Amino acid sequence: MQQNISTPDRYIRMVTGLLSLGMASRRRASPMTRTLLWSFGAMKLAEGAIGWCPMQAVTELMGNQSQQQQKHSSSRASASDSSSKSNSSSQPDNDYDIPSYSKMENPTQ
């Protein structure tokens, strides 16, 4: 596995994990709360020790896929825009038309 967590983030996760495990070891909390704190603390401690977070890996993967889709759609749009721009030069470069204030009618006059 390739590390996807920076060194300061690893230390923060380890401290968070230790604090969660410490809070889970107290007998004042309910059994469900202790179980959740133990699970969360163990997960954060393991992420900090290994240097890899599965949720961050999935998020980065999804971000890369959306960037590829945007590049693919923009390349298709630019190919169709280049043919339409040669036919009509008055259309704006973006997909929506923003009205110009100088061309709007002035209702107070």
PDB file of N, CA and C in Angstrom:
ATOM      1  N   MET A   1       0.831  -1.178   0.000  1.00  0.00           N
ATOM      2  CA  MET A   1       0.000   0.000   0.000  1.00  0.00           C
ATOM      3  C   MET A   1       0.878   1.245   0.000  1.00  0.00           C
ATOM      4  N   GLN A   2       0.440   2.216  -0.778  1.00  0.00           N
ATOM      5  CA  GLN A   2       1.152   3.476  -0.844  1.00  0.00           C
ATOM      6  C   GLN A   2       0.568   4.430   0.200  1.00  0.00           C
ATOM      7  N   GLN A   3       1.427   5.147   0.909  1.00  0.00           N
ATOM      8  CA  GLN A   3       0.954   6.052   1.947  1.00  0.00           C
ATOM      9  C   GLN A   3       0.210   7.221   1.313  1.00  0.00           C
ATOM     10  N   ASN A   4      -0.933   7.565   1.875  1.00  0.00           N
ATOM     11  CA  ASN A   4      -1.688   8.707   1.390  1.00  0.00           C
ATOM     12  C   ASN A   4      -1.974   9.719   2.496  1.00  0.00           C
ATOM     13  N   ILE A   5      -1.267   9.610   3.608  1.00  0.00           N
ATOM     14  CA  ILE A   5      -1.440  10.514   4.739  1.00  0.00           C
ATOM     15  C   ILE A   5      -0.096  11.170   5.033  1.00  0.00           C
ATOM     16  N   SER A   6      -0.107  12.478   5.237  1.00  0.00           N
ATOM     17  CA  SER A   6       1.126  13.194   5.561  1.00  0.00           C
ATOM     18  C   SER A   6       1.550  12.885   7.005  1.00  0.00           C
ATOM     19  N   THR A   7       2.778  13.207   7.322  1.00  0.00           N
ATOM     20  CA  THR A   7       3.315  12.919   8.655  1.00  0.00           C
ATOM     21  C   THR A   7       2.551  13.640   9.766  1.00  0.00           C
ATOM     22  N   PRO A   8       2.266  14.951   9.634  1.00  0.00           N
ATOM     23  CA  PRO A   8       1.479  15.590  10.706  1.00  0.00           C
ATOM     24  C   PRO A   8       0.088  14.968  10.862  1.00  0.00           C
ATOM     25  N   ASP A   9      -0.521  14.593   9.747  1.00  0.00           N
ATOM     26  CA  ASP A   9      -1.836  13.957   9.802  1.00  0.00           C
ATOM     27  C   ASP A   9      -1.748  12.602  10.489  1.00  0.00           C
ATOM     28  N   ARG A  10      -0.673  11.885  10.285  1.00  0.00           N
ATOM     29  CA  ARG A  10      -0.497  10.589  10.954  1.00  0.00           C
ATOM     30  C   ARG A  10      -0.436  10.770  12.466  1.00  0.00           C
ATOM     31  N   TYR A  11       0.323  11.773  12.918  1.00  0.00           N
ATOM     32  CA  TYR A  11       0.432  12.022  14.356  1.00  0.00           C
ATOM     33  C   TYR A  11      -0.913  12.439  14.944  1.00  0.00           C
ATOM     34  N   ILE A  12      -1.650  13.269  14.216  1.00  0.00           N
ATOM     35  CA  ILE A  12      -2.965  13.694  14.701  1.00  0.00           C
ATOM     36  C   ILE A  12      -3.904  12.503  14.817  1.00  0.00           C
ATOM     37  N   ARG A  13      -3.861  11.604  13.834  1.00  0.00           N
ATOM     38  CA  ARG A  13      -4.713  10.415  13.887  1.00  0.00           C
ATOM     39  C   ARG A  13      -4.324   9.497  15.044  1.00  0.00           C
ATOM     40  N   MET A  14      -3.033   9.370  15.295  1.00  0.00           N
ATOM     41  CA  MET A  14      -2.599   8.510  16.396  1.00  0.00           C
ATOM     42  C   MET A  14      -3.027   9.088  17.745  1.00  0.00           C
ATOM     43  N   VAL A  15      -2.896  10.389  17.913  1.00  0.00           N
ATOM     44  CA  VAL A  15      -3.316  11.023  19.166  1.00  0.00           C
ATOM     45  C   VAL A  15      -4.828  10.889  19.337  1.00  0.00           C
ATOM     46  N   THR A  16      -5.572  11.105  18.235  1.00  0.00           N
ATOM     47  CA  THR A  16      -7.030  10.952  18.288  1.00  0.00           C
ATOM     48  C   THR A  16      -7.410   9.521  18.650  1.00  0.00           C
ATOM     49  N   GLY A  17      -6.722   8.571  18.070  1.00  0.00           N
ATOM     50  CA  GLY A  17      -6.987   7.170  18.384  1.00  0.00           C
ATOM     51  C   GLY A  17      -6.715   6.844  19.833  1.00  0.00           C
ATOM     52  N   LEU A  18      -5.591   7.340  20.348  1.00  0.00           N
ATOM     53  CA  LEU A  18      -5.269   7.088  21.753  1.00  0.00           C
ATOM     54  C   LEU A  18      -6.273   7.738  22.696  1.00  0.00           C
ATOM     55  N   LEU A  19      -6.704   8.961  22.356  1.00  0.00           N
ATOM     56  CA  LEU A  19      -7.711   9.623  23.184  1.00  0.00           C
ATOM     57  C   LEU A  19      -9.036   8.862  23.163  1.00  0.00           C
ATOM     58  N   SER A  20      -9.414   8.361  21.993  1.00  0.00           N
ATOM     59  CA  SER A  20     -10.663   7.591  21.894  1.00  0.00           C
ATOM     60  C   SER A  20     -10.571   6.296  22.689  1.00  0.00           C
ATOM     61  N   LEU A  21      -9.430   5.626  22.607  1.00  0.00           N
ATOM     62  CA  LEU A  21      -9.249   4.396  23.383  1.00  0.00           C
ATOM     63  C   LEU A  21      -9.257   4.693  24.873  1.00  0.00           C
ATOM     64  N   GLY A  22      -8.682   5.825  25.266  1.00  0.00           N
ATOM     65  CA  GLY A  22      -8.700   6.218  26.680  1.00  0.00           C
ATOM     66  C   GLY A  22     -10.107   6.515  27.169  1.00  0.00           C
ATOM     67  N   MET A  23     -10.882   7.190  26.336  1.00  0.00           N
ATOM     68  CA  MET A  23     -12.270   7.473  26.715  1.00  0.00           C
ATOM     69  C   MET A  23     -13.104   6.198  26.750  1.00  0.00           C
ATOM     70  N   ALA A  24     -12.793   5.245  25.886  1.00  0.00           N
ATOM     71  CA  ALA A  24     -13.548   3.984  25.863  1.00  0.00           C
ATOM     72  C   ALA A  24     -13.236   3.126  27.078  1.00  0.00           C
ATOM     73  N   SER A  25     -12.055   3.303  27.655  1.00  0.00           N
ATOM     74  CA  SER A  25     -11.687   2.473  28.805  1.00  0.00           C
ATOM     75  C   SER A  25     -12.363   2.932  30.097  1.00  0.00           C
ATOM     76  N   ARG A  26     -12.959   4.133  30.074  1.00  0.00           N
ATOM     77  CA  ARG A  26     -13.683   4.608  31.251  1.00  0.00           C
ATOM     78  C   ARG A  26     -14.985   3.839  31.398  1.00  0.00           C
ATOM     79  N   ARG A  27     -15.373   3.555  32.605  1.00  0.00           N
ATOM     80  CA  ARG A  27     -16.564   2.752  32.866  1.00  0.00           C
ATOM     81  C   ARG A  27     -17.839   3.593  32.936  1.00  0.00           C
ATOM     82  N   ARG A  28     -17.767   4.887  32.768  1.00  0.00           N
ATOM     83  CA  ARG A  28     -18.942   5.733  32.892  1.00  0.00           C
ATOM     84  C   ARG A  28     -19.822   5.699  31.644  1.00  0.00           C
ATOM     85  N   ALA A  29     -19.249   5.408  30.508  1.00  0.00           N
ATOM     86  CA  ALA A  29     -20.012   5.437  29.256  1.00  0.00           C
ATOM     87  C   ALA A  29     -20.841   4.161  29.097  1.00  0.00           C
ATOM     88  N   SER A  30     -21.854   4.252  28.259  1.00  0.00           N
ATOM     89  CA  SER A  30     -22.693   3.077  27.994  1.00  0.00           C
ATOM     90  C   SER A  30     -21.907   2.057  27.172  1.00  0.00           C
ATOM     91  N   PRO A  31     -22.333   0.805  27.152  1.00  0.00           N
ATOM     92  CA  PRO A  31     -21.619  -0.215  26.382  1.00  0.00           C
ATOM     93  C   PRO A  31     -21.545   0.104  24.881  1.00  0.00           C
ATOM     94  N   MET A  32     -22.598   0.682  24.341  1.00  0.00           N
ATOM     95  CA  MET A  32     -22.597   1.032  22.915  1.00  0.00           C
ATOM     96  C   MET A  32     -21.574   2.131  22.635  1.00  0.00           C
ATOM     97  N   THR A  33     -21.505   3.117  23.508  1.00  0.00           N
ATOM     98  CA  THR A  33     -20.543   4.199  23.346  1.00  0.00           C
ATOM     99  C   THR A  33     -19.117   3.679  23.462  1.00  0.00           C
ATOM    100  N   ARG A  34     -18.886   2.803  24.416  1.00  0.00           N
ATOM    101  CA  ARG A  34     -17.547   2.210  24.562  1.00  0.00           C
ATOM    102  C   ARG A  34     -17.154   1.443  23.316  1.00  0.00           C
ATOM    103  N   THR A  35     -18.088   0.674  22.757  1.00  0.00           N
ATOM    104  CA  THR A  35     -17.794  -0.110  21.554  1.00  0.00           C
ATOM    105  C   THR A  35     -17.453   0.803  20.382  1.00  0.00           C
ATOM    106  N   LEU A  36     -18.226   1.874  20.214  1.00  0.00           N
ATOM    107  CA  LEU A  36     -17.956   2.811  19.126  1.00  0.00           C
ATOM    108  C   LEU A  36     -16.614   3.521  19.305  1.00  0.00           C
ATOM    109  N   LEU A  37     -16.321   3.919  20.546  1.00  0.00           N
ATOM    110  CA  LEU A  37     -15.045   4.583  20.813  1.00  0.00           C
ATOM    111  C   LEU A  37     -13.868   3.628  20.609  1.00  0.00           C
ATOM    112  N   TRP A  38     -13.997   2.381  21.019  1.00  0.00           N
ATOM    113  CA  TRP A  38     -12.936   1.395  20.802  1.00  0.00           C
ATOM    114  C   TRP A  38     -12.709   1.200  19.302  1.00  0.00           C
ATOM    115  N   SER A  39     -13.788   1.076  18.553  1.00  0.00           N
ATOM    116  CA  SER A  39     -13.667   0.856  17.103  1.00  0.00           C
ATOM    117  C   SER A  39     -13.022   2.053  16.428  1.00  0.00           C
ATOM    118  N   PHE A  40     -13.520   3.248  16.741  1.00  0.00           N
ATOM    119  CA  PHE A  40     -12.975   4.460  16.143  1.00  0.00           C
ATOM    120  C   PHE A  40     -11.517   4.657  16.524  1.00  0.00           C
ATOM    121  N   GLY A  41     -11.200   4.454  17.810  1.00  0.00           N
ATOM    122  CA  GLY A  41      -9.825   4.630  18.275  1.00  0.00           C
ATOM    123  C   GLY A  41      -8.866   3.647  17.632  1.00  0.00           C
ATOM    124  N   ALA A  42      -9.282   2.390  17.525  1.00  0.00           N
ATOM    125  CA  ALA A  42      -8.417   1.383  16.899  1.00  0.00           C
ATOM    126  C   ALA A  42      -8.199   1.699  15.423  1.00  0.00           C
ATOM    127  N   MET A  43      -9.269   2.160  14.744  1.00  0.00           N
ATOM    128  CA  MET A  43      -9.153   2.499  13.330  1.00  0.00           C
ATOM    129  C   MET A  43      -8.184   3.669  13.132  1.00  0.00           C
ATOM    130  N   LYS A  44      -8.323   4.722  13.925  1.00  0.00           N
ATOM    131  CA  LYS A  44      -7.451   5.896  13.790  1.00  0.00           C
ATOM    132  C   LYS A  44      -6.008   5.572  14.179  1.00  0.00           C
ATOM    133  N   LEU A  45      -5.837   4.753  15.172  1.00  0.00           N
ATOM    134  CA  LEU A  45      -4.492   4.358  15.576  1.00  0.00           C
ATOM    135  C   LEU A  45      -3.819   3.530  14.475  1.00  0.00           C
ATOM    136  N   ALA A  46      -4.567   2.631  13.849  1.00  0.00           N
ATOM    137  CA  ALA A  46      -4.020   1.828  12.758  1.00  0.00           C
ATOM    138  C   ALA A  46      -3.710   2.693  11.538  1.00  0.00           C
ATOM    139  N   GLU A  47      -4.583   3.640  11.209  1.00  0.00           N
ATOM    140  CA  GLU A  47      -4.326   4.536  10.078  1.00  0.00           C
ATOM    141  C   GLU A  47      -3.061   5.344  10.312  1.00  0.00           C
ATOM    142  N   GLY A  48      -2.879   5.833  11.528  1.00  0.00           N
ATOM    143  CA  GLY A  48      -1.684   6.609  11.831  1.00  0.00           C
ATOM    144  C   GLY A  48      -0.428   5.769  11.794  1.00  0.00           C
ATOM    145  N   ALA A  49      -0.510   4.526  12.252  1.00  0.00           N
ATOM    146  CA  ALA A  49       0.662   3.650  12.262  1.00  0.00           C
ATOM    147  C   ALA A  49       1.039   3.205  10.855  1.00  0.00           C
ATOM    148  N   ILE A  50       0.052   2.895  10.036  1.00  0.00           N
ATOM    149  CA  ILE A  50       0.318   2.407   8.679  1.00  0.00           C
ATOM    150  C   ILE A  50       0.580   3.556   7.714  1.00  0.00           C
ATOM    151  N   GLY A  51      -0.135   4.672   7.894  1.00  0.00           N
ATOM    152  CA  GLY A  51       0.019   5.810   6.989  1.00  0.00           C
ATOM    153  C   GLY A  51      -0.888   5.739   5.779  1.00  0.00           C
ATOM    154  N   TRP A  52      -1.926   4.931   5.851  1.00  0.00           N
ATOM    155  CA  TRP A  52      -2.857   4.780   4.738  1.00  0.00           C
ATOM    156  C   TRP A  52      -4.276   4.821   5.268  1.00  0.00           C
ATOM    157  N   CYS A  53      -5.115   5.641   4.648  1.00  0.00           N
ATOM    158  CA  CYS A  53      -6.515   5.767   5.040  1.00  0.00           C
ATOM    159  C   CYS A  53      -7.390   5.295   3.887  1.00  0.00           C
ATOM    160  N   PRO A  54      -8.227   4.286   4.101  1.00  0.00           N
ATOM    161  CA  PRO A  54      -9.065   3.791   3.005  1.00  0.00           C
ATOM    162  C   PRO A  54     -10.086   4.818   2.519  1.00  0.00           C
ATOM    163  N   MET A  55     -10.637   5.622   3.409  1.00  0.00           N
ATOM    164  CA  MET A  55     -11.615   6.624   2.991  1.00  0.00           C
ATOM    165  C   MET A  55     -10.969   7.707   2.139  1.00  0.00           C
ATOM    166  N   GLN A  56      -9.757   8.100   2.480  1.00  0.00           N
ATOM    167  CA  GLN A  56      -9.058   9.101   1.687  1.00  0.00           C
ATOM    168  C   GLN A  56      -8.681   8.528   0.325  1.00  0.00           C
ATOM    169  N   ALA A  57      -8.337   7.253   0.263  1.00  0.00           N
ATOM    170  CA  ALA A  57      -8.010   6.613  -1.008  1.00  0.00           C
ATOM    171  C   ALA A  57      -9.227   6.582  -1.923  1.00  0.00           C
ATOM    172  N   VAL A  58     -10.393   6.271  -1.381  1.00  0.00           N
ATOM    173  CA  VAL A  58     -11.620   6.251  -2.178  1.00  0.00           C
ATOM    174  C   VAL A  58     -11.967   7.657  -2.648  1.00  0.00           C
ATOM    175  N   THR A  59     -11.809   8.646  -1.773  1.00  0.00           N
ATOM    176  CA  THR A  59     -12.105  10.026  -2.142  1.00  0.00           C
ATOM    177  C   THR A  59     -11.190  10.499  -3.258  1.00  0.00           C
ATOM    178  N   GLU A  60      -9.907  10.192  -3.179  1.00  0.00           N
ATOM    179  CA  GLU A  60      -8.970  10.574  -4.233  1.00  0.00           C
ATOM    180  C   GLU A  60      -9.302   9.863  -5.535  1.00  0.00           C
ATOM    181  N   LEU A  61      -9.690   8.605  -5.449  1.00  0.00           N
ATOM    182  CA  LEU A  61     -10.062   7.848  -6.646  1.00  0.00           C
ATOM    183  C   LEU A  61     -11.286   8.456  -7.312  1.00  0.00           C
ATOM    184  N   MET A  62     -12.284   8.818  -6.516  1.00  0.00           N
ATOM    185  CA  MET A  62     -13.487   9.440  -7.068  1.00  0.00           C
ATOM    186  C   MET A  62     -13.174  10.804  -7.661  1.00  0.00           C
ATOM    187  N   GLY A  63     -12.276  11.558  -7.033  1.00  0.00           N
ATOM    188  CA  GLY A  63     -11.878  12.861  -7.560  1.00  0.00           C
ATOM    189  C   GLY A  63     -11.157  12.730  -8.891  1.00  0.00           C
ATOM    190  N   ASN A  64     -10.292  11.728  -9.011  1.00  0.00           N
ATOM    191  CA  ASN A  64      -9.584  11.509 -10.270  1.00  0.00           C
ATOM    192  C   ASN A  64     -10.548  11.110 -11.377  1.00  0.00           C
ATOM    193  N   GLN A  65     -11.544  10.293 -11.044  1.00  0.00           N
ATOM    194  CA  GLN A  65     -12.514   9.883 -12.050  1.00  0.00           C
ATOM    195  C   GLN A  65     -13.354  11.059 -12.522  1.00  0.00           C
ATOM    196  N   SER A  66     -13.745  11.950 -11.610  1.00  0.00           N
ATOM    197  CA  SER A  66     -14.553  13.097 -12.018  1.00  0.00           C
ATOM    198  C   SER A  66     -13.724  14.066 -12.853  1.00  0.00           C
ATOM    199  N   GLN A  67     -12.426  14.205 -12.555  1.00  0.00           N
ATOM    200  CA  GLN A  67     -11.574  15.062 -13.371  1.00  0.00           C
ATOM    201  C   GLN A  67     -11.417  14.495 -14.769  1.00  0.00           C
ATOM    202  N   GLN A  68     -11.294  13.177 -14.886  1.00  0.00           N
ATOM    203  CA  GLN A  68     -11.194  12.558 -16.197  1.00  0.00           C
ATOM    204  C   GLN A  68     -12.481  12.736 -16.980  1.00  0.00           C
ATOM    205  N   GLN A  69     -13.619  12.632 -16.315  1.00  0.00           N
ATOM    206  CA  GLN A  69     -14.888  12.831 -16.994  1.00  0.00           C
ATOM    207  C   GLN A  69     -15.028  14.272 -17.458  1.00  0.00           C
ATOM    208  N   GLN A  70     -14.579  15.225 -16.651  1.00  0.00           N
ATOM    209  CA  GLN A  70     -14.646  16.625 -17.041  1.00  0.00           C
ATOM    210  C   GLN A  70     -13.742  16.901 -18.235  1.00  0.00           C
ATOM    211  N   LYS A  71     -12.550  16.315 -18.239  1.00  0.00           N
ATOM    212  CA  LYS A  71     -11.643  16.494 -19.376  1.00  0.00           C
ATOM    213  C   LYS A  71     -12.235  15.892 -20.632  1.00  0.00           C
ATOM    214  N   HIS A  72     -12.852  14.712 -20.482  1.00  0.00           N
ATOM    215  CA  HIS A  72     -13.443  14.042 -21.634  1.00  0.00           C
ATOM    216  C   HIS A  72     -14.612  14.854 -22.186  1.00  0.00           C
ATOM    217  N   SER A  73     -15.472  15.362 -21.299  1.00  0.00           N
ATOM    218  CA  SER A  73     -16.619  16.140 -21.762  1.00  0.00           C
ATOM    219  C   SER A  73     -16.185  17.487 -22.319  1.00  0.00           C
ATOM    220  N   SER A  74     -15.140  18.097 -21.744  1.00  0.00           N
ATOM    221  CA  SER A  74     -14.672  19.376 -22.277  1.00  0.00           C
ATOM    222  C   SER A  74     -13.986  19.200 -23.621  1.00  0.00           C
ATOM    223  N   SER A  75     -13.339  18.068 -23.842  1.00  0.00           N
ATOM    224  CA  SER A  75     -12.717  17.846 -25.148  1.00  0.00           C
ATOM    225  C   SER A  75     -13.786  17.633 -26.211  1.00  0.00           C
ATOM    226  N   ARG A  76     -14.890  16.967 -25.846  1.00  0.00           N
ATOM    227  CA  ARG A  76     -15.993  16.811 -26.795  1.00  0.00           C
ATOM    228  C   ARG A  76     -16.656  18.154 -27.055  1.00  0.00           C
ATOM    229  N   ALA A  77     -16.830  18.949 -26.005  1.00  0.00           N
ATOM    230  CA  ALA A  77     -17.473  20.250 -26.158  1.00  0.00           C
ATOM    231  C   ALA A  77     -16.605  21.198 -26.973  1.00  0.00           C
ATOM    232  N   SER A  78     -15.292  21.156 -26.762  1.00  0.00           N
ATOM    233  CA  SER A  78     -14.414  22.047 -27.520  1.00  0.00           C
ATOM    234  C   SER A  78     -14.374  21.660 -28.989  1.00  0.00           C
ATOM    235  N   ALA A  79     -14.497  20.379 -29.286  1.00  0.00           N
ATOM    236  CA  ALA A  79     -14.533  19.949 -30.683  1.00  0.00           C
ATOM    237  C   ALA A  79     -15.811  20.426 -31.355  1.00  0.00           C
ATOM    238  N   SER A  80     -16.937  20.347 -30.653  1.00  0.00           N
ATOM    239  CA  SER A  80     -18.191  20.826 -31.240  1.00  0.00           C
ATOM    240  C   SER A  80     -18.247  22.347 -31.258  1.00  0.00           C
ATOM    241  N   ASP A  81     -17.614  23.017 -30.269  1.00  0.00           N
ATOM    242  CA  ASP A  81     -17.589  24.470 -30.245  1.00  0.00           C
ATOM    243  C   ASP A  81     -16.740  25.032 -31.373  1.00  0.00           C
ATOM    244  N   SER A  82     -15.662  24.365 -31.705  1.00  0.00           N
ATOM    245  CA  SER A  82     -14.790  24.886 -32.754  1.00  0.00           C
ATOM    246  C   SER A  82     -15.504  24.897 -34.088  1.00  0.00           C
ATOM    247  N   SER A  83     -16.361  23.921 -34.337  1.00  0.00           N
ATOM    248  CA  SER A  83     -17.107  23.921 -35.588  1.00  0.00           C
ATOM    249  C   SER A  83     -18.225  24.954 -35.552  1.00  0.00           C
ATOM    250  N   SER A  84     -18.849  25.186 -34.383  1.00  0.00           N
ATOM    251  CA  SER A  84     -19.928  26.169 -34.301  1.00  0.00           C
ATOM    252  C   SER A  84     -19.386  27.586 -34.238  1.00  0.00           C
ATOM    253  N   LYS A  85     -18.161  27.788 -33.703  1.00  0.00           N
ATOM    254  CA  LYS A  85     -17.580  29.123 -33.639  1.00  0.00           C
ATOM    255  C   LYS A  85     -17.228  29.642 -35.021  1.00  0.00           C
ATOM    256  N   SER A  86     -16.866  28.763 -35.906  1.00  0.00           N
ATOM    257  CA  SER A  86     -16.551  29.210 -37.251  1.00  0.00           C
ATOM    258  C   SER A  86     -17.804  29.681 -37.968  1.00  0.00           C
ATOM    259  N   ASN A  87     -18.972  29.152 -37.577  1.00  0.00           N
ATOM    260  CA  ASN A  87     -20.228  29.549 -38.199  1.00  0.00           C
ATOM    261  C   ASN A  87     -20.800  30.813 -37.577  1.00  0.00           C
ATOM    262  N   SER A  88     -20.698  30.954 -36.257  1.00  0.00           N
ATOM    263  CA  SER A  88     -21.259  32.134 -35.593  1.00  0.00           C
ATOM    264  C   SER A  88     -20.244  32.646 -34.583  1.00  0.00           C
ATOM    265  N   SER A  89     -19.739  33.831 -34.812  1.00  0.00           N
ATOM    266  CA  SER A  89     -18.724  34.388 -33.929  1.00  0.00           C
ATOM    267  C   SER A  89     -19.330  35.233 -32.824  1.00  0.00           C
ATOM    268  N   SER A  90     -20.644  35.450 -32.837  1.00  0.00           N
ATOM    269  CA  SER A  90     -21.263  36.297 -31.833  1.00  0.00           C
ATOM    270  C   SER A  90     -21.620  35.550 -30.551  1.00  0.00           C
ATOM    271  N   GLN A  91     -21.568  34.224 -30.526  1.00  0.00           N
ATOM    272  CA  GLN A  91     -21.910  33.464 -29.328  1.00  0.00           C
ATOM    273  C   GLN A  91     -20.759  33.511 -28.334  1.00  0.00           C
ATOM    274  N   PRO A  92     -21.073  33.576 -27.029  1.00  0.00           N
ATOM    275  CA  PRO A  92     -20.009  33.591 -26.015  1.00  0.00           C
ATOM    276  C   PRO A  92     -19.340  32.219 -25.903  1.00  0.00           C
ATOM    277  N   ASP A  93     -18.165  32.198 -25.251  1.00  0.00           N
ATOM    278  CA  ASP A  93     -17.401  30.963 -25.091  1.00  0.00           C
ATOM    279  C   ASP A  93     -18.016  30.030 -24.056  1.00  0.00           C
ATOM    280  N   ASN A  94     -18.773  30.579 -23.107  1.00  0.00           N
ATOM    281  CA  ASN A  94     -19.338  29.727 -22.068  1.00  0.00           C
ATOM    282  C   ASN A  94     -20.680  29.153 -22.522  1.00  0.00           C
ATOM    283  N   ASP A  95     -21.244  28.279 -21.710  1.00  0.00           N
ATOM    284  CA  ASP A  95     -22.474  27.580 -22.074  1.00  0.00           C
ATOM    285  C   ASP A  95     -23.740  28.390 -21.800  1.00  0.00           C
ATOM    286  N   TYR A  96     -23.655  29.480 -21.097  1.00  0.00           N
ATOM    287  CA  TYR A  96     -24.833  30.267 -20.768  1.00  0.00           C
ATOM    288  C   TYR A  96     -24.595  31.712 -21.183  1.00  0.00           C
ATOM    289  N   ASP A  97     -25.656  32.401 -21.458  1.00  0.00           N
ATOM    290  CA  ASP A  97     -25.572  33.770 -21.932  1.00  0.00           C
ATOM    291  C   ASP A  97     -25.837  34.717 -20.766  1.00  0.00           C
ATOM    292  N   ILE A  98     -24.893  35.582 -20.472  1.00  0.00           N
ATOM    293  CA  ILE A  98     -25.044  36.567 -19.415  1.00  0.00           C
ATOM    294  C   ILE A  98     -25.437  37.887 -20.081  1.00  0.00           C
ATOM    295  N   PRO A  99     -26.577  38.450 -19.699  1.00  0.00           N
ATOM    296  CA  PRO A  99     -26.988  39.692 -20.352  1.00  0.00           C
ATOM    297  C   PRO A  99     -26.077  40.845 -19.959  1.00  0.00           C
ATOM    298  N   SER A 100     -25.834  41.717 -20.885  1.00  0.00           N
ATOM    299  CA  SER A 100     -25.017  42.889 -20.632  1.00  0.00           C
ATOM    300  C   SER A 100     -25.913  43.992 -20.090  1.00  0.00           C
ATOM    301  N   TYR A 101     -25.465  44.712 -19.074  1.00  0.00           N
ATOM    302  CA  TYR A 101     -26.275  45.768 -18.484  1.00  0.00           C
ATOM    303  C   TYR A 101     -26.425  46.949 -19.433  1.00  0.00           C
ATOM    304  N   SER A 102     -25.457  47.136 -20.312  1.00  0.00           N
ATOM    305  CA  SER A 102     -25.562  48.263 -21.231  1.00  0.00           C
ATOM    306  C   SER A 102     -26.642  48.029 -22.281  1.00  0.00           C
ATOM    307  N   LYS A 103     -26.974  46.782 -22.564  1.00  0.00           N
ATOM    308  CA  LYS A 103     -27.991  46.462 -23.566  1.00  0.00           C
ATOM    309  C   LYS A 103     -29.379  46.321 -22.956  1.00  0.00           C
ATOM    310  N   MET A 104     -29.478  46.343 -21.632  1.00  0.00           N
ATOM    311  CA  MET A 104     -30.774  46.192 -20.984  1.00  0.00           C
ATOM    312  C   MET A 104     -31.538  47.493 -21.029  1.00  0.00           C
ATOM    313  N   GLU A 105     -32.846  47.370 -21.085  1.00  0.00           N
ATOM    314  CA  GLU A 105     -33.677  48.576 -21.089  1.00  0.00           C
ATOM    315  C   GLU A 105     -33.701  49.170 -19.693  1.00  0.00           C
ATOM    316  N   ASN A 106     -33.687  50.465 -19.641  1.00  0.00           N
ATOM    317  CA  ASN A 106     -33.717  51.143 -18.370  1.00  0.00           C
ATOM    318  C   ASN A 106     -35.175  51.508 -18.072  1.00  0.00           C
ATOM    319  N   PRO A 107     -35.793  50.866 -17.060  1.00  0.00           N
ATOM    320  CA  PRO A 107     -37.217  51.112 -16.801  1.00  0.00           C
ATOM    321  C   PRO A 107     -37.488  52.495 -16.215  1.00  0.00           C
ATOM    322  N   THR A 108     -36.509  53.213 -15.697  1.00  0.00           N
ATOM    323  CA  THR A 108     -36.760  54.506 -15.076  1.00  0.00           C
ATOM    324  C   THR A 108     -36.804  55.637 -16.086  1.00  0.00           C
ATOM    325  N   GLN A 109     -36.382  55.413 -17.284  1.00  0.00           N
ATOM    326  CA  GLN A 109     -36.379  56.499 -18.273  1.00  0.00           C
ATOM    327  C   GLN A 109     -37.661  56.641 -18.996  1.00  0.00           C
TER     328      GLN A 109
END
